[in-house]
């Protein structure tokens, strides 16, 4: 319990330091280059509408949101730190998931695919941790082929925003 309290205090200190420095600068807008691990796009809509459009787009492609973490609310509750709206959506498609786990049972640790929606400097952004970048650590061509298909679909969902 004492370690948990110390961890929380360290996190509060880091968050307060980030606030003093003007917030986390992040990588949005810079991670589209070839070696980046993220794809980020400004949505041009408000936060709630963007989240809804992502959910609808995922649903149209056979994906569901199986997890949702409101980071802004979590930080407020646990750390007493205010931040702009920020959500992590865990997107999953059972067909692709079963293919991946069928190839390598441990590939389930890469699931679900994490998509972000957040507000930074008054603008809403959508981000995707690129599945092929994450899965590349396995060096398994079969897994990379499937994640390539998934990535293409998820990028298409973002581009429709």
N, C-alpha and C. Protein backbone atom coordinates (compact mmCIF):
# COMPACT_ATOMS: atom_id res chain seq x y z
N UNK A 1 0.83 -1.20 0.00
CA UNK A 1 0.00 0.00 0.00
C UNK A 1 0.87 1.25 0.00
N UNK A 2 1.97 1.21 0.76
CA UNK A 2 2.86 2.35 0.84
C UNK A 2 3.49 2.66 -0.51
N UNK A 3 3.88 1.59 -1.26
CA UNK A 3 4.44 1.78 -2.59
C UNK A 3 3.42 2.43 -3.52
N UNK A 4 2.15 2.01 -3.38
CA UNK A 4 1.09 2.58 -4.21
C UNK A 4 0.93 4.07 -3.93
N UNK A 5 0.98 4.45 -2.66
CA UNK A 5 0.87 5.86 -2.28
C UNK A 5 2.05 6.64 -2.85
N UNK A 6 3.26 6.07 -2.74
CA UNK A 6 4.44 6.73 -3.29
C UNK A 6 4.34 6.88 -4.80
N UNK A 7 3.85 5.85 -5.48
CA UNK A 7 3.67 5.92 -6.93
C UNK A 7 2.68 7.01 -7.30
N UNK A 8 1.59 7.12 -6.54
CA UNK A 8 0.58 8.14 -6.81
C UNK A 8 1.18 9.54 -6.60
N UNK A 9 1.98 9.70 -5.55
CA UNK A 9 2.60 11.00 -5.29
C UNK A 9 3.57 11.37 -6.40
N UNK A 10 4.35 10.39 -6.88
CA UNK A 10 5.27 10.65 -7.99
C UNK A 10 4.49 11.07 -9.23
N UNK A 11 3.38 10.38 -9.52
CA UNK A 11 2.57 10.71 -10.69
C UNK A 11 1.97 12.10 -10.55
N UNK A 12 1.49 12.45 -9.35
CA UNK A 12 0.95 13.80 -9.13
C UNK A 12 2.01 14.85 -9.42
N UNK A 13 3.22 14.59 -8.95
CA UNK A 13 4.33 15.51 -9.18
C UNK A 13 4.64 15.67 -10.66
N UNK A 14 4.65 14.56 -11.38
CA UNK A 14 4.92 14.61 -12.82
C UNK A 14 3.82 15.36 -13.55
N UNK A 15 2.56 15.10 -13.19
CA UNK A 15 1.44 15.78 -13.84
C UNK A 15 1.47 17.28 -13.53
N UNK A 16 1.78 17.64 -12.29
CA UNK A 16 1.85 19.05 -11.93
C UNK A 16 2.98 19.73 -12.70
N UNK A 17 4.10 19.04 -12.84
CA UNK A 17 5.23 19.58 -13.60
C UNK A 17 4.84 19.79 -15.06
N UNK A 18 4.11 18.83 -15.64
CA UNK A 18 3.65 18.97 -17.02
C UNK A 18 2.72 20.17 -17.15
N UNK A 19 1.82 20.35 -16.17
CA UNK A 19 0.90 21.49 -16.21
C UNK A 19 1.66 22.81 -16.17
N UNK A 20 2.67 22.90 -15.31
CA UNK A 20 3.47 24.12 -15.21
C UNK A 20 4.17 24.43 -16.53
N UNK A 21 4.55 23.39 -17.23
CA UNK A 21 5.27 23.55 -18.50
C UNK A 21 4.33 23.69 -19.69
N UNK A 22 3.03 23.76 -19.44
CA UNK A 22 2.08 23.95 -20.53
C UNK A 22 1.48 22.66 -21.04
N UNK A 23 1.62 21.59 -20.29
CA UNK A 23 1.02 20.31 -20.68
C UNK A 23 1.97 19.45 -21.49
N UNK A 24 1.52 18.24 -21.71
CA UNK A 24 2.29 17.28 -22.50
C UNK A 24 2.28 17.72 -23.95
N UNK A 25 3.41 17.80 -24.56
CA UNK A 25 3.49 18.25 -25.96
C UNK A 25 3.01 17.16 -26.91
N UNK A 26 3.14 15.92 -26.52
CA UNK A 26 2.64 14.82 -27.34
C UNK A 26 3.34 14.72 -28.68
N UNK A 27 2.86 13.82 -29.50
CA UNK A 27 3.44 13.60 -30.81
C UNK A 27 2.45 13.83 -31.93
N UNK A 28 1.24 14.34 -31.61
CA UNK A 28 0.25 14.49 -32.66
C UNK A 28 0.80 15.41 -33.75
N UNK A 29 0.52 15.01 -34.97
CA UNK A 29 0.99 15.77 -36.11
C UNK A 29 2.41 15.44 -36.53
N UNK A 30 3.15 14.70 -35.71
CA UNK A 30 4.52 14.36 -36.04
C UNK A 30 4.71 12.87 -36.28
N UNK A 31 3.70 12.07 -36.04
CA UNK A 31 3.90 10.63 -36.08
C UNK A 31 3.37 9.98 -37.35
N UNK A 32 3.29 10.73 -38.43
CA UNK A 32 2.82 10.14 -39.67
C UNK A 32 4.00 9.66 -40.52
N UNK A 33 5.21 9.99 -40.10
CA UNK A 33 6.35 9.55 -40.87
C UNK A 33 6.49 8.03 -40.81
N UNK A 34 7.25 7.52 -41.71
CA UNK A 34 7.35 6.08 -41.93
C UNK A 34 7.65 5.27 -40.67
N UNK A 35 8.54 5.76 -39.83
CA UNK A 35 8.97 4.99 -38.67
C UNK A 35 8.18 5.28 -37.41
N UNK A 36 7.15 6.11 -37.51
CA UNK A 36 6.35 6.45 -36.34
C UNK A 36 5.52 5.27 -35.88
N UNK A 37 5.14 5.29 -34.62
CA UNK A 37 4.32 4.23 -34.06
C UNK A 37 2.85 4.60 -34.01
N UNK A 38 2.55 5.86 -34.33
CA UNK A 38 1.17 6.36 -34.26
C UNK A 38 0.76 7.01 -35.57
N UNK A 39 -0.54 6.97 -35.80
CA UNK A 39 -1.15 7.79 -36.86
C UNK A 39 -2.12 8.71 -36.13
N UNK A 40 -1.97 10.01 -36.32
CA UNK A 40 -2.82 10.98 -35.63
C UNK A 40 -3.39 11.95 -36.65
N UNK A 41 -4.67 12.25 -36.48
CA UNK A 41 -5.36 13.17 -37.38
C UNK A 41 -6.25 14.11 -36.55
N UNK A 42 -6.26 15.37 -36.93
CA UNK A 42 -7.19 16.32 -36.31
C UNK A 42 -8.57 16.05 -36.89
N UNK A 43 -9.59 16.00 -36.03
CA UNK A 43 -10.91 15.60 -36.50
C UNK A 43 -11.74 16.74 -37.09
N UNK A 44 -11.57 17.94 -36.61
CA UNK A 44 -12.39 19.05 -37.08
C UNK A 44 -13.77 19.08 -36.44
N UNK A 45 -14.03 18.17 -35.51
CA UNK A 45 -15.31 18.13 -34.77
C UNK A 45 -15.00 18.21 -33.29
N UNK A 46 -16.05 18.29 -32.49
CA UNK A 46 -15.89 18.27 -31.05
C UNK A 46 -15.55 16.87 -30.56
N UNK A 47 -15.15 16.80 -29.30
CA UNK A 47 -14.73 15.54 -28.70
C UNK A 47 -15.83 14.47 -28.75
N UNK A 48 -17.01 14.79 -28.21
CA UNK A 48 -18.09 13.79 -28.14
C UNK A 48 -18.51 13.32 -29.52
N UNK A 49 -18.62 14.24 -30.47
CA UNK A 49 -19.01 13.86 -31.83
C UNK A 49 -17.94 12.97 -32.47
N UNK A 50 -16.68 13.28 -32.21
CA UNK A 50 -15.59 12.47 -32.76
C UNK A 50 -15.64 11.06 -32.20
N UNK A 51 -15.83 10.94 -30.88
CA UNK A 51 -15.92 9.61 -30.27
C UNK A 51 -17.08 8.83 -30.89
N UNK A 52 -18.21 9.48 -31.06
CA UNK A 52 -19.38 8.81 -31.65
C UNK A 52 -19.10 8.38 -33.08
N UNK A 53 -18.47 9.23 -33.86
CA UNK A 53 -18.16 8.90 -35.25
C UNK A 53 -17.16 7.74 -35.34
N UNK A 54 -16.20 7.70 -34.44
CA UNK A 54 -15.25 6.58 -34.42
C UNK A 54 -16.00 5.29 -34.09
N UNK A 55 -16.86 5.32 -33.09
CA UNK A 55 -17.65 4.14 -32.73
C UNK A 55 -18.48 3.65 -33.93
N UNK A 56 -19.15 4.59 -34.60
CA UNK A 56 -19.97 4.23 -35.76
C UNK A 56 -19.11 3.63 -36.88
N UNK A 57 -17.98 4.25 -37.15
CA UNK A 57 -17.08 3.76 -38.19
C UNK A 57 -16.55 2.37 -37.88
N UNK A 58 -16.20 2.15 -36.63
CA UNK A 58 -15.72 0.82 -36.22
C UNK A 58 -16.83 -0.21 -36.40
N UNK A 59 -18.03 0.14 -35.98
CA UNK A 59 -19.17 -0.77 -36.10
C UNK A 59 -19.43 -1.13 -37.57
N UNK A 60 -19.36 -0.15 -38.45
CA UNK A 60 -19.57 -0.41 -39.88
C UNK A 60 -18.54 -1.39 -40.44
N UNK A 61 -17.37 -1.43 -39.84
CA UNK A 61 -16.29 -2.31 -40.30
C UNK A 61 -16.24 -3.63 -39.53
N UNK A 62 -17.23 -3.88 -38.68
CA UNK A 62 -17.27 -5.14 -37.93
C UNK A 62 -16.45 -5.14 -36.65
N UNK A 63 -16.05 -3.96 -36.21
CA UNK A 63 -15.29 -3.83 -34.97
C UNK A 63 -16.22 -3.31 -33.87
N UNK A 64 -15.89 -3.65 -32.65
CA UNK A 64 -16.61 -3.13 -31.51
C UNK A 64 -15.63 -2.47 -30.56
N UNK A 65 -16.14 -1.61 -29.70
CA UNK A 65 -15.32 -1.01 -28.65
C UNK A 65 -15.54 -1.85 -27.40
N UNK A 66 -14.52 -2.61 -27.03
CA UNK A 66 -14.66 -3.52 -25.89
C UNK A 66 -14.10 -2.94 -24.59
N UNK A 67 -13.39 -1.82 -24.72
CA UNK A 67 -12.92 -1.13 -23.51
C UNK A 67 -12.87 0.36 -23.78
N UNK A 68 -13.06 1.11 -22.73
CA UNK A 68 -13.02 2.57 -22.83
C UNK A 68 -12.45 3.11 -21.53
N UNK A 69 -11.36 3.85 -21.64
CA UNK A 69 -10.72 4.44 -20.47
C UNK A 69 -10.74 5.96 -20.65
N UNK A 70 -11.46 6.63 -19.78
CA UNK A 70 -11.49 8.09 -19.78
C UNK A 70 -10.32 8.57 -18.93
N UNK A 71 -9.19 8.79 -19.58
CA UNK A 71 -7.96 9.16 -18.89
C UNK A 71 -8.14 10.46 -18.12
N UNK A 72 -8.83 11.43 -18.71
CA UNK A 72 -9.05 12.70 -18.04
C UNK A 72 -9.78 12.52 -16.71
N UNK A 73 -10.79 11.69 -16.71
CA UNK A 73 -11.56 11.44 -15.48
C UNK A 73 -10.74 10.65 -14.47
N UNK A 74 -9.96 9.69 -14.95
CA UNK A 74 -9.10 8.89 -14.08
C UNK A 74 -8.06 9.77 -13.39
N UNK A 75 -7.41 10.65 -14.15
CA UNK A 75 -6.41 11.53 -13.56
C UNK A 75 -7.05 12.49 -12.55
N UNK A 76 -8.26 12.95 -12.85
CA UNK A 76 -8.95 13.85 -11.92
C UNK A 76 -9.27 13.11 -10.62
N UNK A 77 -9.82 11.90 -10.76
CA UNK A 77 -10.21 11.11 -9.59
C UNK A 77 -9.02 10.65 -8.76
N UNK A 78 -8.00 10.13 -9.42
CA UNK A 78 -6.88 9.52 -8.70
C UNK A 78 -5.77 10.50 -8.34
N UNK A 79 -5.60 11.55 -9.16
CA UNK A 79 -4.48 12.45 -8.96
C UNK A 79 -4.89 13.88 -8.64
N UNK A 80 -6.20 14.17 -8.82
CA UNK A 80 -6.65 15.54 -8.61
C UNK A 80 -6.16 16.49 -9.69
N UNK A 81 -5.84 15.95 -10.86
CA UNK A 81 -5.28 16.74 -11.96
C UNK A 81 -6.33 16.92 -13.04
N UNK A 82 -6.51 18.16 -13.47
CA UNK A 82 -7.42 18.45 -14.58
C UNK A 82 -6.67 18.36 -15.89
N UNK A 83 -7.33 17.81 -16.89
CA UNK A 83 -6.78 17.80 -18.24
C UNK A 83 -7.93 17.84 -19.22
N UNK A 84 -7.64 18.15 -20.47
CA UNK A 84 -8.67 18.19 -21.49
C UNK A 84 -9.17 16.76 -21.74
N UNK A 85 -10.36 16.62 -22.35
CA UNK A 85 -10.92 15.28 -22.59
C UNK A 85 -9.94 14.36 -23.33
N UNK A 86 -9.87 13.11 -22.85
CA UNK A 86 -8.93 12.13 -23.41
C UNK A 86 -9.50 10.75 -23.13
N UNK A 87 -9.72 9.98 -24.19
CA UNK A 87 -10.25 8.63 -24.04
C UNK A 87 -9.41 7.65 -24.85
N UNK A 88 -9.23 6.45 -24.31
CA UNK A 88 -8.61 5.34 -25.03
C UNK A 88 -9.71 4.34 -25.32
N UNK A 89 -9.94 4.08 -26.61
CA UNK A 89 -10.96 3.11 -27.03
C UNK A 89 -10.25 1.83 -27.48
N UNK A 90 -10.65 0.70 -26.90
CA UNK A 90 -10.11 -0.59 -27.29
C UNK A 90 -10.97 -1.21 -28.37
N UNK A 91 -10.49 -1.18 -29.61
CA UNK A 91 -11.25 -1.68 -30.76
C UNK A 91 -10.89 -3.14 -31.04
N UNK A 92 -11.92 -3.95 -31.30
CA UNK A 92 -11.68 -5.37 -31.51
C UNK A 92 -12.64 -5.92 -32.57
N UNK A 93 -12.13 -6.84 -33.37
CA UNK A 93 -12.92 -7.58 -34.35
C UNK A 93 -12.69 -9.06 -34.06
N UNK A 94 -13.73 -9.80 -33.67
CA UNK A 94 -13.55 -11.20 -33.28
C UNK A 94 -12.90 -12.07 -34.36
N UNK A 95 -13.21 -11.81 -35.62
CA UNK A 95 -12.63 -12.62 -36.70
C UNK A 95 -11.11 -12.44 -36.75
N UNK A 96 -10.67 -11.19 -36.75
CA UNK A 96 -9.23 -10.94 -36.79
C UNK A 96 -8.55 -11.41 -35.51
N UNK A 97 -9.20 -11.19 -34.38
CA UNK A 97 -8.62 -11.62 -33.10
C UNK A 97 -8.43 -13.13 -33.06
N UNK A 98 -9.42 -13.87 -33.55
CA UNK A 98 -9.30 -15.33 -33.54
C UNK A 98 -8.21 -15.79 -34.50
N UNK A 99 -8.04 -15.09 -35.62
CA UNK A 99 -6.95 -15.43 -36.54
C UNK A 99 -5.60 -15.24 -35.86
N UNK A 100 -5.43 -14.10 -35.21
CA UNK A 100 -4.16 -13.81 -34.55
C UNK A 100 -3.85 -14.83 -33.46
N UNK A 101 -4.82 -15.10 -32.61
CA UNK A 101 -4.60 -16.05 -31.51
C UNK A 101 -4.39 -17.46 -32.05
N UNK A 102 -5.03 -17.77 -33.18
CA UNK A 102 -4.81 -19.07 -33.83
C UNK A 102 -3.39 -19.22 -34.35
N UNK A 103 -2.79 -18.13 -34.77
CA UNK A 103 -1.41 -18.16 -35.26
C UNK A 103 -0.43 -18.25 -34.09
N UNK A 104 -0.68 -17.45 -33.07
CA UNK A 104 0.20 -17.43 -31.88
C UNK A 104 -0.66 -17.06 -30.68
N UNK A 105 -0.83 -17.99 -29.79
CA UNK A 105 -1.73 -17.79 -28.65
C UNK A 105 -1.33 -16.57 -27.81
N UNK A 106 -0.05 -16.23 -27.80
CA UNK A 106 0.41 -15.08 -27.02
C UNK A 106 0.14 -13.74 -27.69
N UNK A 107 -0.30 -13.76 -28.94
CA UNK A 107 -0.59 -12.50 -29.63
C UNK A 107 -1.80 -11.79 -29.03
N UNK A 108 -2.56 -12.49 -28.22
CA UNK A 108 -3.69 -11.84 -27.53
C UNK A 108 -3.25 -10.70 -26.64
N UNK A 109 -1.97 -10.69 -26.26
CA UNK A 109 -1.47 -9.60 -25.42
C UNK A 109 -1.42 -8.27 -26.17
N UNK A 110 -1.55 -8.31 -27.50
CA UNK A 110 -1.56 -7.09 -28.30
C UNK A 110 -2.97 -6.54 -28.50
N UNK A 111 -3.95 -7.24 -27.99
CA UNK A 111 -5.35 -6.87 -28.21
C UNK A 111 -5.90 -6.15 -26.98
N UNK A 112 -6.88 -5.28 -27.16
CA UNK A 112 -7.45 -4.78 -28.40
C UNK A 112 -6.54 -3.72 -29.02
N UNK A 113 -6.92 -3.25 -30.21
CA UNK A 113 -6.21 -2.15 -30.86
C UNK A 113 -6.62 -0.85 -30.17
N UNK A 114 -5.66 -0.08 -29.74
CA UNK A 114 -5.96 1.16 -29.01
C UNK A 114 -6.06 2.36 -29.93
N UNK A 115 -7.19 3.02 -29.82
CA UNK A 115 -7.43 4.27 -30.54
C UNK A 115 -7.64 5.36 -29.49
N UNK A 116 -7.14 6.54 -29.78
CA UNK A 116 -7.25 7.67 -28.86
C UNK A 116 -8.15 8.74 -29.47
N UNK A 117 -8.88 9.40 -28.62
CA UNK A 117 -9.54 10.66 -28.99
C UNK A 117 -9.21 11.61 -27.84
N UNK A 118 -8.64 12.75 -28.19
CA UNK A 118 -8.27 13.70 -27.15
C UNK A 118 -8.34 15.13 -27.68
N UNK A 119 -8.43 16.05 -26.74
CA UNK A 119 -8.43 17.47 -27.08
C UNK A 119 -7.10 18.05 -26.63
N UNK A 120 -6.46 18.76 -27.54
CA UNK A 120 -5.19 19.43 -27.25
C UNK A 120 -5.26 20.82 -27.87
N UNK A 121 -5.06 21.82 -27.05
CA UNK A 121 -5.11 23.22 -27.52
C UNK A 121 -6.43 23.54 -28.22
N UNK A 122 -7.52 22.99 -27.69
CA UNK A 122 -8.85 23.28 -28.21
C UNK A 122 -9.23 22.51 -29.47
N UNK A 123 -8.37 21.64 -29.95
CA UNK A 123 -8.65 20.86 -31.16
C UNK A 123 -8.71 19.38 -30.81
N UNK A 124 -9.66 18.68 -31.45
CA UNK A 124 -9.84 17.26 -31.19
C UNK A 124 -9.00 16.45 -32.17
N UNK A 125 -8.31 15.45 -31.64
CA UNK A 125 -7.45 14.58 -32.44
C UNK A 125 -7.87 13.13 -32.25
N UNK A 126 -7.62 12.33 -33.29
CA UNK A 126 -7.83 10.88 -33.23
C UNK A 126 -6.48 10.24 -33.49
N UNK A 127 -6.13 9.27 -32.67
CA UNK A 127 -4.86 8.59 -32.84
C UNK A 127 -5.03 7.08 -32.84
N UNK A 128 -4.14 6.41 -33.55
CA UNK A 128 -4.13 4.95 -33.59
C UNK A 128 -2.71 4.47 -33.36
N UNK A 129 -2.53 3.63 -32.35
CA UNK A 129 -1.27 2.91 -32.21
C UNK A 129 -1.25 1.91 -33.36
N UNK A 130 -0.30 2.06 -34.27
CA UNK A 130 -0.28 1.23 -35.48
C UNK A 130 -0.06 -0.24 -35.14
N UNK A 131 -1.04 -1.09 -35.43
CA UNK A 131 -0.93 -2.51 -35.09
C UNK A 131 0.32 -3.18 -35.67
N UNK A 132 0.71 -2.80 -36.89
CA UNK A 132 1.90 -3.42 -37.49
C UNK A 132 3.17 -3.05 -36.74
N UNK A 133 3.22 -1.83 -36.22
CA UNK A 133 4.40 -1.42 -35.44
C UNK A 133 4.47 -2.20 -34.13
N UNK A 134 3.33 -2.33 -33.47
CA UNK A 134 3.31 -3.08 -32.21
C UNK A 134 3.66 -4.55 -32.45
N UNK A 135 3.05 -5.15 -33.47
CA UNK A 135 3.23 -6.57 -33.74
C UNK A 135 4.60 -6.89 -34.33
N UNK A 136 5.30 -5.88 -34.84
CA UNK A 136 6.59 -6.12 -35.48
C UNK A 136 7.61 -6.74 -34.53
N UNK A 137 7.43 -6.55 -33.24
CA UNK A 137 8.37 -7.14 -32.28
C UNK A 137 8.34 -8.67 -32.32
N UNK A 138 7.26 -9.25 -32.84
CA UNK A 138 7.16 -10.71 -32.90
C UNK A 138 7.98 -11.29 -34.04
N UNK A 139 8.25 -10.48 -35.05
CA UNK A 139 8.96 -10.93 -36.26
C UNK A 139 8.26 -12.12 -36.92
N UNK A 140 6.93 -12.16 -36.78
CA UNK A 140 6.12 -13.25 -37.34
C UNK A 140 5.34 -12.70 -38.53
N UNK A 141 5.71 -13.15 -39.73
CA UNK A 141 5.09 -12.64 -40.95
C UNK A 141 3.60 -12.92 -41.03
N UNK A 142 3.16 -14.05 -40.49
CA UNK A 142 1.72 -14.36 -40.50
C UNK A 142 0.94 -13.36 -39.66
N UNK A 143 1.47 -13.06 -38.48
CA UNK A 143 0.82 -12.08 -37.61
C UNK A 143 0.81 -10.70 -38.27
N UNK A 144 1.92 -10.35 -38.89
CA UNK A 144 2.02 -9.03 -39.53
C UNK A 144 1.06 -8.90 -40.70
N UNK A 145 0.81 -9.99 -41.40
CA UNK A 145 -0.14 -9.95 -42.52
C UNK A 145 -1.55 -9.61 -42.00
N UNK A 146 -1.96 -10.30 -40.95
CA UNK A 146 -3.29 -10.05 -40.38
C UNK A 146 -3.37 -8.64 -39.81
N UNK A 147 -2.34 -8.23 -39.05
CA UNK A 147 -2.39 -6.89 -38.46
C UNK A 147 -2.34 -5.81 -39.54
N UNK A 148 -1.73 -6.11 -40.67
CA UNK A 148 -1.74 -5.17 -41.79
C UNK A 148 -3.15 -4.94 -42.31
N UNK A 149 -3.94 -6.00 -42.37
CA UNK A 149 -5.35 -5.86 -42.78
C UNK A 149 -6.12 -5.02 -41.77
N UNK A 150 -5.90 -5.32 -40.50
CA UNK A 150 -6.58 -4.58 -39.42
C UNK A 150 -6.21 -3.10 -39.49
N UNK A 151 -4.93 -2.84 -39.62
CA UNK A 151 -4.44 -1.46 -39.66
C UNK A 151 -5.07 -0.68 -40.81
N UNK A 152 -5.15 -1.29 -41.96
CA UNK A 152 -5.75 -0.63 -43.13
C UNK A 152 -7.19 -0.22 -42.84
N UNK A 153 -7.95 -1.11 -42.22
CA UNK A 153 -9.35 -0.82 -41.88
C UNK A 153 -9.44 0.31 -40.86
N UNK A 154 -8.62 0.24 -39.81
CA UNK A 154 -8.69 1.25 -38.76
C UNK A 154 -8.25 2.63 -39.28
N UNK A 155 -7.25 2.65 -40.13
CA UNK A 155 -6.84 3.93 -40.73
C UNK A 155 -7.95 4.50 -41.60
N UNK A 156 -8.67 3.64 -42.29
CA UNK A 156 -9.79 4.07 -43.11
C UNK A 156 -10.89 4.69 -42.24
N UNK A 157 -11.15 4.09 -41.08
CA UNK A 157 -12.14 4.64 -40.14
C UNK A 157 -11.73 6.06 -39.74
N UNK A 158 -10.45 6.25 -39.44
CA UNK A 158 -9.96 7.57 -39.04
C UNK A 158 -10.08 8.57 -40.19
N UNK A 159 -9.71 8.14 -41.38
CA UNK A 159 -9.72 9.07 -42.52
C UNK A 159 -11.13 9.52 -42.89
N UNK A 160 -12.14 8.76 -42.52
CA UNK A 160 -13.53 9.16 -42.80
C UNK A 160 -14.03 10.24 -41.85
N UNK A 161 -13.28 10.52 -40.83
CA UNK A 161 -13.68 11.53 -39.83
C UNK A 161 -13.55 12.91 -40.45
